[in-house]
């Protein structure tokens, strides 16, 4: 979704948060809600109608006001994706003795 707007995940590259939001809105069909904490983006929420169609989470003016008075940064960098991270982790499958549920633990 981000690549269609020219926002590429690369180590250390910074992008304006407003550009990321605009790109998501264009590709998804609705404005996301951004939740920030202590100067970092903590969550990005997508909203849907009851028919599961994309919708704006906030109006454009409310989104702008929310970003200005929140702890959201003006620019963000995106984390790199390491497809080998899960492969290199230790995975243990432990059956629960009392029932048929399985629990997965990684390290």
PDB file of N, CA and C in Angstrom:
ATOM      1  N   UNK A   1       0.834  -1.181   0.000  1.00  0.00           N
ATOM      2  CA  UNK A   1       0.000   0.000   0.000  1.00  0.00           C
ATOM      3  C   UNK A   1       0.884   1.253   0.000  1.00  0.00           C
ATOM      4  N   UNK A   2       1.903   1.250   0.859  1.00  0.00           N
ATOM      5  CA  UNK A   2       2.773   2.423   0.947  1.00  0.00           C
ATOM      6  C   UNK A   2       3.638   2.586  -0.297  1.00  0.00           C
ATOM      7  N   UNK A   3       4.077   1.477  -0.881  1.00  0.00           N
ATOM      8  CA  UNK A   3       4.945   1.539  -2.060  1.00  0.00           C
ATOM      9  C   UNK A   3       4.243   2.215  -3.235  1.00  0.00           C
ATOM     10  N   UNK A   4       2.914   2.077  -3.328  1.00  0.00           N
ATOM     11  CA  UNK A   4       2.183   2.716  -4.422  1.00  0.00           C
ATOM     12  C   UNK A   4       2.282   4.234  -4.335  1.00  0.00           C
ATOM     13  N   UNK A   5       2.514   4.758  -3.162  1.00  0.00           N
ATOM     14  CA  UNK A   5       2.660   6.197  -2.968  1.00  0.00           C
ATOM     15  C   UNK A   5       4.103   6.644  -2.900  1.00  0.00           C
ATOM     16  N   UNK A   6       5.035   5.735  -3.229  1.00  0.00           N
ATOM     17  CA  UNK A   6       6.452   6.093  -3.232  1.00  0.00           C
ATOM     18  C   UNK A   6       7.099   6.037  -1.861  1.00  0.00           C
ATOM     19  N   UNK A   7       6.416   5.445  -0.900  1.00  0.00           N
ATOM     20  CA  UNK A   7       6.974   5.312   0.443  1.00  0.00           C
ATOM     21  C   UNK A   7       7.506   3.893   0.565  1.00  0.00           C
ATOM     22  N   UNK A   8       8.819   3.792   0.567  1.00  0.00           N
ATOM     23  CA  UNK A   8       9.472   2.488   0.578  1.00  0.00           C
ATOM     24  C   UNK A   8      10.108   2.219   1.932  1.00  0.00           C
ATOM     25  N   UNK A   9       9.995   0.994   2.381  1.00  0.00           N
ATOM     26  CA  UNK A   9      10.600   0.625   3.656  1.00  0.00           C
ATOM     27  C   UNK A   9      12.099   0.480   3.417  1.00  0.00           C
ATOM     28  N   UNK A  10      12.854   1.345   4.054  1.00  0.00           N
ATOM     29  CA  UNK A  10      14.305   1.262   3.953  1.00  0.00           C
ATOM     30  C   UNK A  10      14.902   1.740   5.260  1.00  0.00           C
ATOM     31  N   UNK A  11      16.017   1.201   5.604  1.00  0.00           N
ATOM     32  CA  UNK A  11      16.635   1.484   6.882  1.00  0.00           C
ATOM     33  C   UNK A  11      17.033   2.959   6.992  1.00  0.00           C
ATOM     34  N   UNK A  12      16.408   3.662   7.934  1.00  0.00           N
ATOM     35  CA  UNK A  12      16.784   5.039   8.221  1.00  0.00           C
ATOM     36  C   UNK A  12      16.080   6.102   7.405  1.00  0.00           C
ATOM     37  N   UNK A  13      15.363   5.745   6.356  1.00  0.00           N
ATOM     38  CA  UNK A  13      14.678   6.735   5.535  1.00  0.00           C
ATOM     39  C   UNK A  13      13.507   7.310   6.318  1.00  0.00           C
ATOM     40  N   UNK A  14      13.347   8.641   6.287  1.00  0.00           N
ATOM     41  CA  UNK A  14      12.248   9.285   7.002  1.00  0.00           C
ATOM     42  C   UNK A  14      11.210   9.810   6.031  1.00  0.00           C
ATOM     43  N   UNK A  15       9.956   9.745   6.468  1.00  0.00           N
ATOM     44  CA  UNK A  15       8.836  10.219   5.666  1.00  0.00           C
ATOM     45  C   UNK A  15       7.938  11.077   6.540  1.00  0.00           C
ATOM     46  N   UNK A  16       7.324  12.093   5.923  1.00  0.00           N
ATOM     47  CA  UNK A  16       6.374  12.928   6.655  1.00  0.00           C
ATOM     48  C   UNK A  16       5.163  12.070   7.013  1.00  0.00           C
ATOM     49  N   UNK A  17       4.735  12.131   8.259  1.00  0.00           N
ATOM     50  CA  UNK A  17       3.587  11.342   8.710  1.00  0.00           C
ATOM     51  C   UNK A  17       2.347  11.697   7.901  1.00  0.00           C
ATOM     52  N   UNK A  18       2.195  12.956   7.539  1.00  0.00           N
ATOM     53  CA  UNK A  18       1.040  13.368   6.733  1.00  0.00           C
ATOM     54  C   UNK A  18       1.064  12.696   5.361  1.00  0.00           C
ATOM     55  N   UNK A  19       2.262  12.483   4.784  1.00  0.00           N
ATOM     56  CA  UNK A  19       2.372  11.790   3.494  1.00  0.00           C
ATOM     57  C   UNK A  19       1.978  10.321   3.633  1.00  0.00           C
ATOM     58  N   UNK A  20       2.372   9.697   4.732  1.00  0.00           N
ATOM     59  CA  UNK A  20       2.018   8.298   4.981  1.00  0.00           C
ATOM     60  C   UNK A  20       0.499   8.179   5.108  1.00  0.00           C
ATOM     61  N   UNK A  21      -0.117   9.088   5.855  1.00  0.00           N
ATOM     62  CA  UNK A  21      -1.571   9.075   6.040  1.00  0.00           C
ATOM     63  C   UNK A  21      -2.290   9.285   4.710  1.00  0.00           C
ATOM     64  N   UNK A  22      -1.810  10.235   3.904  1.00  0.00           N
ATOM     65  CA  UNK A  22      -2.426  10.505   2.599  1.00  0.00           C
ATOM     66  C   UNK A  22      -2.322   9.296   1.670  1.00  0.00           C
ATOM     67  N   UNK A  23      -1.176   8.630   1.696  1.00  0.00           N
ATOM     68  CA  UNK A  23      -0.962   7.448   0.858  1.00  0.00           C
ATOM     69  C   UNK A  23      -1.905   6.320   1.264  1.00  0.00           C
ATOM     70  N   UNK A  24      -2.053   6.113   2.573  1.00  0.00           N
ATOM     71  CA  UNK A  24      -2.960   5.072   3.062  1.00  0.00           C
ATOM     72  C   UNK A  24      -4.398   5.415   2.697  1.00  0.00           C
ATOM     73  N   UNK A  25      -4.776   6.679   2.846  1.00  0.00           N
ATOM     74  CA  UNK A  25      -6.138   7.093   2.513  1.00  0.00           C
ATOM     75  C   UNK A  25      -6.425   6.838   1.037  1.00  0.00           C
ATOM     76  N   UNK A  26      -5.494   7.163   0.178  1.00  0.00           N
ATOM     77  CA  UNK A  26      -5.674   6.970  -1.257  1.00  0.00           C
ATOM     78  C   UNK A  26      -5.793   5.482  -1.614  1.00  0.00           C
ATOM     79  N   UNK A  27      -4.917   4.656  -1.050  1.00  0.00           N
ATOM     80  CA  UNK A  27      -4.906   3.228  -1.373  1.00  0.00           C
ATOM     81  C   UNK A  27      -6.048   2.467  -0.695  1.00  0.00           C
ATOM     82  N   UNK A  28      -6.378   2.827   0.538  1.00  0.00           N
ATOM     83  CA  UNK A  28      -7.371   2.097   1.332  1.00  0.00           C
ATOM     84  C   UNK A  28      -8.790   2.580   1.074  1.00  0.00           C
ATOM     85  N   UNK A  29      -8.925   3.887   0.865  1.00  0.00           N
ATOM     86  CA  UNK A  29     -10.250   4.447   0.660  1.00  0.00           C
ATOM     87  C   UNK A  29     -10.814   5.148   1.871  1.00  0.00           C
ATOM     88  N   UNK A  30      -9.996   5.354   2.891  1.00  0.00           N
ATOM     89  CA  UNK A  30     -10.426   6.057   4.099  1.00  0.00           C
ATOM     90  C   UNK A  30      -9.223   6.490   4.906  1.00  0.00           C
ATOM     91  N   UNK A  31      -9.373   7.573   5.660  1.00  0.00           N
ATOM     92  CA  UNK A  31      -8.274   8.069   6.493  1.00  0.00           C
ATOM     93  C   UNK A  31      -8.075   7.184   7.714  1.00  0.00           C
ATOM     94  N   UNK A  32      -6.830   6.797   8.001  1.00  0.00           N
ATOM     95  CA  UNK A  32      -6.572   6.007   9.198  1.00  0.00           C
ATOM     96  C   UNK A  32      -6.568   6.891  10.438  1.00  0.00           C
ATOM     97  N   UNK A  33      -6.694   6.282  11.582  1.00  0.00           N
ATOM     98  CA  UNK A  33      -6.517   6.980  12.854  1.00  0.00           C
ATOM     99  C   UNK A  33      -5.127   6.618  13.349  1.00  0.00           C
ATOM    100  N   UNK A  34      -4.364   7.615  13.741  1.00  0.00           N
ATOM    101  CA  UNK A  34      -3.001   7.413  14.215  1.00  0.00           C
ATOM    102  C   UNK A  34      -2.981   7.630  15.725  1.00  0.00           C
ATOM    103  N   UNK A  35      -2.442   6.671  16.453  1.00  0.00           N
ATOM    104  CA  UNK A  35      -2.310   6.778  17.900  1.00  0.00           C
ATOM    105  C   UNK A  35      -0.817   6.886  18.204  1.00  0.00           C
ATOM    106  N   UNK A  36      -0.447   7.967  18.867  1.00  0.00           N
ATOM    107  CA  UNK A  36       0.956   8.197  19.200  1.00  0.00           C
ATOM    108  C   UNK A  36       1.144   8.240  20.707  1.00  0.00           C
ATOM    109  N   UNK A  37       2.332   7.878  21.124  1.00  0.00           N
ATOM    110  CA  UNK A  37       2.673   7.908  22.537  1.00  0.00           C
ATOM    111  C   UNK A  37       4.153   8.257  22.663  1.00  0.00           C
ATOM    112  N   UNK A  38       4.439   9.241  23.465  1.00  0.00           N
ATOM    113  CA  UNK A  38       5.812   9.663  23.728  1.00  0.00           C
ATOM    114  C   UNK A  38       6.615   9.917  22.449  1.00  0.00           C
ATOM    115  N   UNK A  39       5.977  10.587  21.476  1.00  0.00           N
ATOM    116  CA  UNK A  39       6.673  10.979  20.266  1.00  0.00           C
ATOM    117  C   UNK A  39       6.838   9.891  19.224  1.00  0.00           C
ATOM    118  N   UNK A  40       6.169   8.750  19.401  1.00  0.00           N
ATOM    119  CA  UNK A  40       6.260   7.666  18.429  1.00  0.00           C
ATOM    120  C   UNK A  40       4.864   7.204  18.021  1.00  0.00           C
ATOM    121  N   UNK A  41       4.749   6.736  16.792  1.00  0.00           N
ATOM    122  CA  UNK A  41       3.489   6.161  16.344  1.00  0.00           C
ATOM    123  C   UNK A  41       3.362   4.792  16.995  1.00  0.00           C
ATOM    124  N   UNK A  42       2.295   4.611  17.746  1.00  0.00           N
ATOM    125  CA  UNK A  42       2.078   3.352  18.449  1.00  0.00           C
ATOM    126  C   UNK A  42       1.097   2.458  17.683  1.00  0.00           C
ATOM    127  N   UNK A  43       0.074   3.069  17.094  1.00  0.00           N
ATOM    128  CA  UNK A  43      -0.944   2.310  16.364  1.00  0.00           C
ATOM    129  C   UNK A  43      -1.389   3.080  15.143  1.00  0.00           C
ATOM    130  N   UNK A  44      -1.785   2.327  14.134  1.00  0.00           N
ATOM    131  CA  UNK A  44      -2.445   2.878  12.966  1.00  0.00           C
ATOM    132  C   UNK A  44      -3.722   2.063  12.815  1.00  0.00           C
ATOM    133  N   UNK A  45      -4.858   2.724  12.912  1.00  0.00           N
ATOM    134  CA  UNK A  45      -6.140   2.031  12.877  1.00  0.00           C
ATOM    135  C   UNK A  45      -6.864   2.323  11.569  1.00  0.00           C
ATOM    136  N   UNK A  46      -7.408   1.274  10.960  1.00  0.00           N
ATOM    137  CA  UNK A  46      -8.246   1.406   9.775  1.00  0.00           C
ATOM    138  C   UNK A  46      -9.687   1.197  10.219  1.00  0.00           C
ATOM    139  N   UNK A  47     -10.599   1.986   9.670  1.00  0.00           N
ATOM    140  CA  UNK A  47     -11.995   1.908  10.082  1.00  0.00           C
ATOM    141  C   UNK A  47     -12.876   1.449   8.925  1.00  0.00           C
ATOM    142  N   UNK A  48     -13.951   0.748   9.292  1.00  0.00           N
ATOM    143  CA  UNK A  48     -14.866   0.181   8.324  1.00  0.00           C
ATOM    144  C   UNK A  48     -16.308   0.518   8.701  1.00  0.00           C
ATOM    145  N   UNK A  49     -17.176   0.499   7.690  1.00  0.00           N
ATOM    146  CA  UNK A  49     -18.608   0.626   7.951  1.00  0.00           C
ATOM    147  C   UNK A  49     -19.115  -0.729   8.437  1.00  0.00           C
ATOM    148  N   UNK A  50     -20.387  -0.796   8.782  1.00  0.00           N
ATOM    149  CA  UNK A  50     -20.969  -2.068   9.211  1.00  0.00           C
ATOM    150  C   UNK A  50     -20.955  -3.103   8.093  1.00  0.00           C
ATOM    151  N   UNK A  51     -20.881  -2.633   6.830  1.00  0.00           N
ATOM    152  CA  UNK A  51     -20.819  -3.542   5.676  1.00  0.00           C
ATOM    153  C   UNK A  51     -19.376  -3.908   5.336  1.00  0.00           C
ATOM    154  N   UNK A  52     -18.443  -3.533   6.211  1.00  0.00           N
ATOM    155  CA  UNK A  52     -17.004  -3.792   6.038  1.00  0.00           C
ATOM    156  C   UNK A  52     -16.399  -3.074   4.839  1.00  0.00           C
ATOM    157  N   UNK A  53     -16.930  -1.881   4.548  1.00  0.00           N
ATOM    158  CA  UNK A  53     -16.344  -1.031   3.513  1.00  0.00           C
ATOM    159  C   UNK A  53     -15.468   0.003   4.211  1.00  0.00           C
ATOM    160  N   UNK A  54     -14.320   0.356   3.615  1.00  0.00           N
ATOM    161  CA  UNK A  54     -13.441   1.346   4.234  1.00  0.00           C
ATOM    162  C   UNK A  54     -14.152   2.691   4.425  1.00  0.00           C
ATOM    163  N   UNK A  55     -13.835   3.346   5.541  1.00  0.00           N
ATOM    164  CA  UNK A  55     -14.368   4.691   5.805  1.00  0.00           C
ATOM    165  C   UNK A  55     -13.302   5.492   6.528  1.00  0.00           C
ATOM    166  N   UNK A  56     -13.468   6.823   6.551  1.00  0.00           N
ATOM    167  CA  UNK A  56     -12.565   7.680   7.311  1.00  0.00           C
ATOM    168  C   UNK A  56     -12.760   7.428   8.798  1.00  0.00           C
ATOM    169  N   UNK A  57     -11.652   7.290   9.510  1.00  0.00           N
ATOM    170  CA  UNK A  57     -11.748   7.175  10.969  1.00  0.00           C
ATOM    171  C   UNK A  57     -12.053   8.534  11.572  1.00  0.00           C
ATOM    172  N   UNK A  58     -11.473   9.568  11.015  1.00  0.00           N
ATOM    173  CA  UNK A  58     -11.691  10.943  11.457  1.00  0.00           C
ATOM    174  C   UNK A  58     -11.863  11.824  10.232  1.00  0.00           C
ATOM    175  N   UNK A  59     -12.540  12.937  10.391  1.00  0.00           N
ATOM    176  CA  UNK A  59     -12.621  13.892   9.294  1.00  0.00           C
ATOM    177  C   UNK A  59     -11.242  14.493   9.074  1.00  0.00           C
ATOM    178  N   UNK A  60     -11.004  15.065   7.916  1.00  0.00           N
ATOM    179  CA  UNK A  60      -9.701  15.641   7.600  1.00  0.00           C
ATOM    180  C   UNK A  60      -9.314  16.725   8.593  1.00  0.00           C
ATOM    181  N   UNK A  61     -10.256  17.599   8.980  1.00  0.00           N
ATOM    182  CA  UNK A  61      -9.930  18.664   9.930  1.00  0.00           C
ATOM    183  C   UNK A  61      -9.646  18.097  11.308  1.00  0.00           C
ATOM    184  N   UNK A  62     -10.412  17.086  11.729  1.00  0.00           N
ATOM    185  CA  UNK A  62     -10.168  16.465  13.033  1.00  0.00           C
ATOM    186  C   UNK A  62      -8.829  15.744  13.027  1.00  0.00           C
ATOM    187  N   UNK A  63      -8.477  15.112  11.900  1.00  0.00           N
ATOM    188  CA  UNK A  63      -7.200  14.422  11.782  1.00  0.00           C
ATOM    189  C   UNK A  63      -6.047  15.405  11.913  1.00  0.00           C
ATOM    190  N   UNK A  64      -6.148  16.544  11.233  1.00  0.00           N
ATOM    191  CA  UNK A  64      -5.099  17.559  11.307  1.00  0.00           C
ATOM    192  C   UNK A  64      -4.942  18.097  12.721  1.00  0.00           C
ATOM    193  N   UNK A  65      -6.061  18.402  13.385  1.00  0.00           N
ATOM    194  CA  UNK A  65      -6.004  18.900  14.757  1.00  0.00           C
ATOM    195  C   UNK A  65      -5.430  17.847  15.698  1.00  0.00           C
ATOM    196  N   UNK A  66      -5.813  16.594  15.496  1.00  0.00           N
ATOM    197  CA  UNK A  66      -5.341  15.493  16.332  1.00  0.00           C
ATOM    198  C   UNK A  66      -3.823  15.336  16.220  1.00  0.00           C
ATOM    199  N   UNK A  67      -3.294  15.411  15.000  1.00  0.00           N
ATOM    200  CA  UNK A  67      -1.851  15.277  14.801  1.00  0.00           C
ATOM    201  C   UNK A  67      -1.088  16.460  15.391  1.00  0.00           C
ATOM    202  N   UNK A  68      -1.659  17.666  15.279  1.00  0.00           N
ATOM    203  CA  UNK A  68      -0.966  18.852  15.774  1.00  0.00           C
ATOM    204  C   UNK A  68      -0.866  18.875  17.293  1.00  0.00           C
ATOM    205  N   UNK A  69      -1.926  18.459  17.990  1.00  0.00           N
ATOM    206  CA  UNK A  69      -1.891  18.555  19.446  1.00  0.00           C
ATOM    207  C   UNK A  69      -1.482  17.247  20.119  1.00  0.00           C
ATOM    208  N   UNK A  70      -1.214  16.215  19.348  1.00  0.00           N
ATOM    209  CA  UNK A  70      -0.828  14.936  19.938  1.00  0.00           C
ATOM    210  C   UNK A  70       0.686  14.847  20.054  1.00  0.00           C
ATOM    211  N   UNK A  71       1.134  13.710  20.511  1.00  0.00           N
ATOM    212  CA  UNK A  71       2.581  13.504  20.627  1.00  0.00           C
ATOM    213  C   UNK A  71       3.135  12.836  19.372  1.00  0.00           C
ATOM    214  N   UNK A  72       2.406  12.928  18.261  1.00  0.00           N
ATOM    215  CA  UNK A  72       2.876  12.322  17.015  1.00  0.00           C
ATOM    216  C   UNK A  72       4.040  13.115  16.429  1.00  0.00           C
ATOM    217  N   UNK A  73       5.030  12.398  15.910  1.00  0.00           N
ATOM    218  CA  UNK A  73       6.150  13.093  15.267  1.00  0.00           C
ATOM    219  C   UNK A  73       5.738  13.594  13.888  1.00  0.00           C
ATOM    220  N   UNK A  74       6.439  14.599  13.386  1.00  0.00           N
ATOM    221  CA  UNK A  74       6.169  15.097  12.029  1.00  0.00           C
ATOM    222  C   UNK A  74       6.695  14.119  10.991  1.00  0.00           C
ATOM    223  N   UNK A  75       7.816  13.478  11.289  1.00  0.00           N
ATOM    224  CA  UNK A  75       8.428  12.522  10.376  1.00  0.00           C
ATOM    225  C   UNK A  75       8.601  11.185  11.076  1.00  0.00           C
ATOM    226  N   UNK A  76       8.469  10.118  10.284  1.00  0.00           N
ATOM    227  CA  UNK A  76       8.660   8.780  10.837  1.00  0.00           C
ATOM    228  C   UNK A  76       9.581   7.975   9.925  1.00  0.00           C
ATOM    229  N   UNK A  77      10.216   6.977  10.506  1.00  0.00           N
ATOM    230  CA  UNK A  77      10.947   6.000   9.700  1.00  0.00           C
ATOM    231  C   UNK A  77      10.254   4.667   9.923  1.00  0.00           C
ATOM    232  N   UNK A  78      10.283   3.830   8.922  1.00  0.00           N
ATOM    233  CA  UNK A  78       9.584   2.553   8.989  1.00  0.00           C
ATOM    234  C   UNK A  78      10.579   1.451   9.306  1.00  0.00           C
ATOM    235  N   UNK A  79      10.186   0.497  10.136  1.00  0.00           N
ATOM    236  CA  UNK A  79      11.108  -0.596  10.474  1.00  0.00           C
ATOM    237  C   UNK A  79      11.319  -1.503   9.263  1.00  0.00           C
ATOM    238  N   UNK A  80      12.501  -2.057   9.180  1.00  0.00           N
ATOM    239  CA  UNK A  80      12.760  -2.997   8.102  1.00  0.00           C
ATOM    240  C   UNK A  80      12.142  -4.336   8.444  1.00  0.00           C
ATOM    241  N   UNK A  81      11.826  -5.081   7.430  1.00  0.00           N
ATOM    242  CA  UNK A  81      11.223  -6.399   7.608  1.00  0.00           C
ATOM    243  C   UNK A  81      12.300  -7.444   7.419  1.00  0.00           C
ATOM    244  N   UNK A  82      12.455  -8.320   8.391  1.00  0.00           N
ATOM    245  CA  UNK A  82      13.433  -9.399   8.308  1.00  0.00           C
ATOM    246  C   UNK A  82      12.688 -10.727   8.241  1.00  0.00           C
ATOM    247  N   UNK A  83      12.525 -11.290   7.022  1.00  0.00           N
ATOM    248  CA  UNK A  83      11.764 -12.534   6.901  1.00  0.00           C
ATOM    249  C   UNK A  83      12.427 -13.714   7.600  1.00  0.00           C
ATOM    250  N   UNK A  84      13.712 -13.607   7.924  1.00  0.00           N
ATOM    251  CA  UNK A  84      14.409 -14.706   8.587  1.00  0.00           C
ATOM    252  C   UNK A  84      14.300 -14.644  10.105  1.00  0.00           C
ATOM    253  N   UNK A  85      13.698 -13.597  10.656  1.00  0.00           N
ATOM    254  CA  UNK A  85      13.615 -13.454  12.112  1.00  0.00           C
ATOM    255  C   UNK A  85      12.843 -14.603  12.740  1.00  0.00           C
ATOM    256  N   UNK A  86      11.733 -14.990  12.130  1.00  0.00           N
ATOM    257  CA  UNK A  86      10.945 -16.079  12.695  1.00  0.00           C
ATOM    258  C   UNK A  86      11.648 -17.416  12.488  1.00  0.00           C
ATOM    259  N   UNK A  87      12.281 -17.574  11.352  1.00  0.00           N
ATOM    260  CA  UNK A  87      12.988 -18.823  11.056  1.00  0.00           C
ATOM    261  C   UNK A  87      14.101 -19.065  12.067  1.00  0.00           C
ATOM    262  N   UNK A  88      14.759 -17.998  12.487  1.00  0.00           N
ATOM    263  CA  UNK A  88      15.880 -18.117  13.406  1.00  0.00           C
ATOM    264  C   UNK A  88      15.465 -18.195  14.870  1.00  0.00           C
ATOM    265  N   UNK A  89      14.168 -18.028  15.161  1.00  0.00           N
ATOM    266  CA  UNK A  89      13.723 -18.101  16.553  1.00  0.00           C
ATOM    267  C   UNK A  89      13.495 -19.556  16.938  1.00  0.00           C
ATOM    268  N   UNK A  90      13.470 -19.790  18.215  1.00  0.00           N
ATOM    269  CA  UNK A  90      13.206 -21.134  18.723  1.00  0.00           C
ATOM    270  C   UNK A  90      11.709 -21.286  18.907  1.00  0.00           C
ATOM    271  N   UNK A  91      11.143 -22.327  18.350  1.00  0.00           N
ATOM    272  CA  UNK A  91       9.710 -22.560  18.444  1.00  0.00           C
ATOM    273  C   UNK A  91       9.471 -23.875  19.161  1.00  0.00           C
ATOM    274  N   UNK A  92       8.652 -23.813  20.179  1.00  0.00           N
ATOM    275  CA  UNK A  92       8.318 -25.026  20.918  1.00  0.00           C
ATOM    276  C   UNK A  92       6.813 -25.171  20.955  1.00  0.00           C
ATOM    277  N   UNK A  93       6.315 -26.338  20.703  1.00  0.00           N
ATOM    278  CA  UNK A  93       4.890 -26.617  20.765  1.00  0.00           C
ATOM    279  C   UNK A  93       4.672 -27.495  21.978  1.00  0.00           C
ATOM    280  N   UNK A  94       3.899 -26.977  22.921  1.00  0.00           N
ATOM    281  CA  UNK A  94       3.684 -27.700  24.165  1.00  0.00           C
ATOM    282  C   UNK A  94       2.207 -28.019  24.309  1.00  0.00           C
ATOM    283  N   UNK A  95       1.815 -29.293  24.230  1.00  0.00           N
ATOM    284  CA  UNK A  95       0.400 -29.623  24.426  1.00  0.00           C
ATOM    285  C   UNK A  95       0.018 -29.461  25.889  1.00  0.00           C
ATOM    286  N   UNK A  96      -1.147 -28.910  26.121  1.00  0.00           N
ATOM    287  CA  UNK A  96      -1.664 -28.739  27.475  1.00  0.00           C
ATOM    288  C   UNK A  96      -2.216 -30.086  27.941  1.00  0.00           C
ATOM    289  N   UNK A  97      -1.819 -30.527  29.115  1.00  0.00           N
ATOM    290  CA  UNK A  97      -2.198 -31.848  29.618  1.00  0.00           C
ATOM    291  C   UNK A  97      -3.700 -31.972  29.875  1.00  0.00           C
ATOM    292  N   UNK A  98      -4.358 -30.872  30.289  1.00  0.00           N
ATOM    293  CA  UNK A  98      -5.752 -30.970  30.700  1.00  0.00           C
ATOM    294  C   UNK A  98      -6.748 -30.914  29.539  1.00  0.00           C
ATOM    295  N   UNK A  99      -6.331 -30.406  28.386  1.00  0.00           N
ATOM    296  CA  UNK A  99      -7.251 -30.352  27.247  1.00  0.00           C
ATOM    297  C   UNK A  99      -6.476 -30.451  25.941  1.00  0.00           C
ATOM    298  N   UNK A 100      -7.156 -30.287  24.837  1.00  0.00           N
ATOM    299  CA  UNK A 100      -6.508 -30.474  23.553  1.00  0.00           C
ATOM    300  C   UNK A 100      -5.914 -29.191  22.971  1.00  0.00           C
ATOM    301  N   UNK A 101      -5.878 -28.083  23.726  1.00  0.00           N
ATOM    302  CA  UNK A 101      -5.302 -26.842  23.235  1.00  0.00           C
ATOM    303  C   UNK A 101      -3.790 -26.960  23.129  1.00  0.00           C
ATOM    304  N   UNK A 102      -3.231 -26.229  22.172  1.00  0.00           N
ATOM    305  CA  UNK A 102      -1.786 -26.210  21.984  1.00  0.00           C
ATOM    306  C   UNK A 102      -1.293 -24.788  22.269  1.00  0.00           C
ATOM    307  N   UNK A 103      -0.161 -24.653  22.881  1.00  0.00           N
ATOM    308  CA  UNK A 103       0.430 -23.363  23.179  1.00  0.00           C
ATOM    309  C   UNK A 103       1.757 -23.274  22.470  1.00  0.00           C
ATOM    310  N   UNK A 104       2.035 -22.106  21.860  1.00  0.00           N
ATOM    311  CA  UNK A 104       3.276 -21.891  21.143  1.00  0.00           C
ATOM    312  C   UNK A 104       4.102 -20.850  21.881  1.00  0.00           C
ATOM    313  N   UNK A 105       5.348 -21.134  22.064  1.00  0.00           N
ATOM    314  CA  UNK A 105       6.270 -20.216  22.723  1.00  0.00           C
ATOM    315  C   UNK A 105       7.445 -19.992  21.791  1.00  0.00           C
ATOM    316  N   UNK A 106       7.848 -18.725  21.637  1.00  0.00           N
ATOM    317  CA  UNK A 106       9.028 -18.426  20.826  1.00  0.00           C
ATOM    318  C   UNK A 106      10.022 -17.671  21.689  1.00  0.00           C
ATOM    319  N   UNK A 107      11.239 -17.747  21.285  1.00  0.00           N
ATOM    320  CA  UNK A 107      12.269 -16.965  21.991  1.00  0.00           C
ATOM    321  C   UNK A 107      13.141 -16.260  21.002  1.00  0.00           C
TER     322      UNK A 107
END
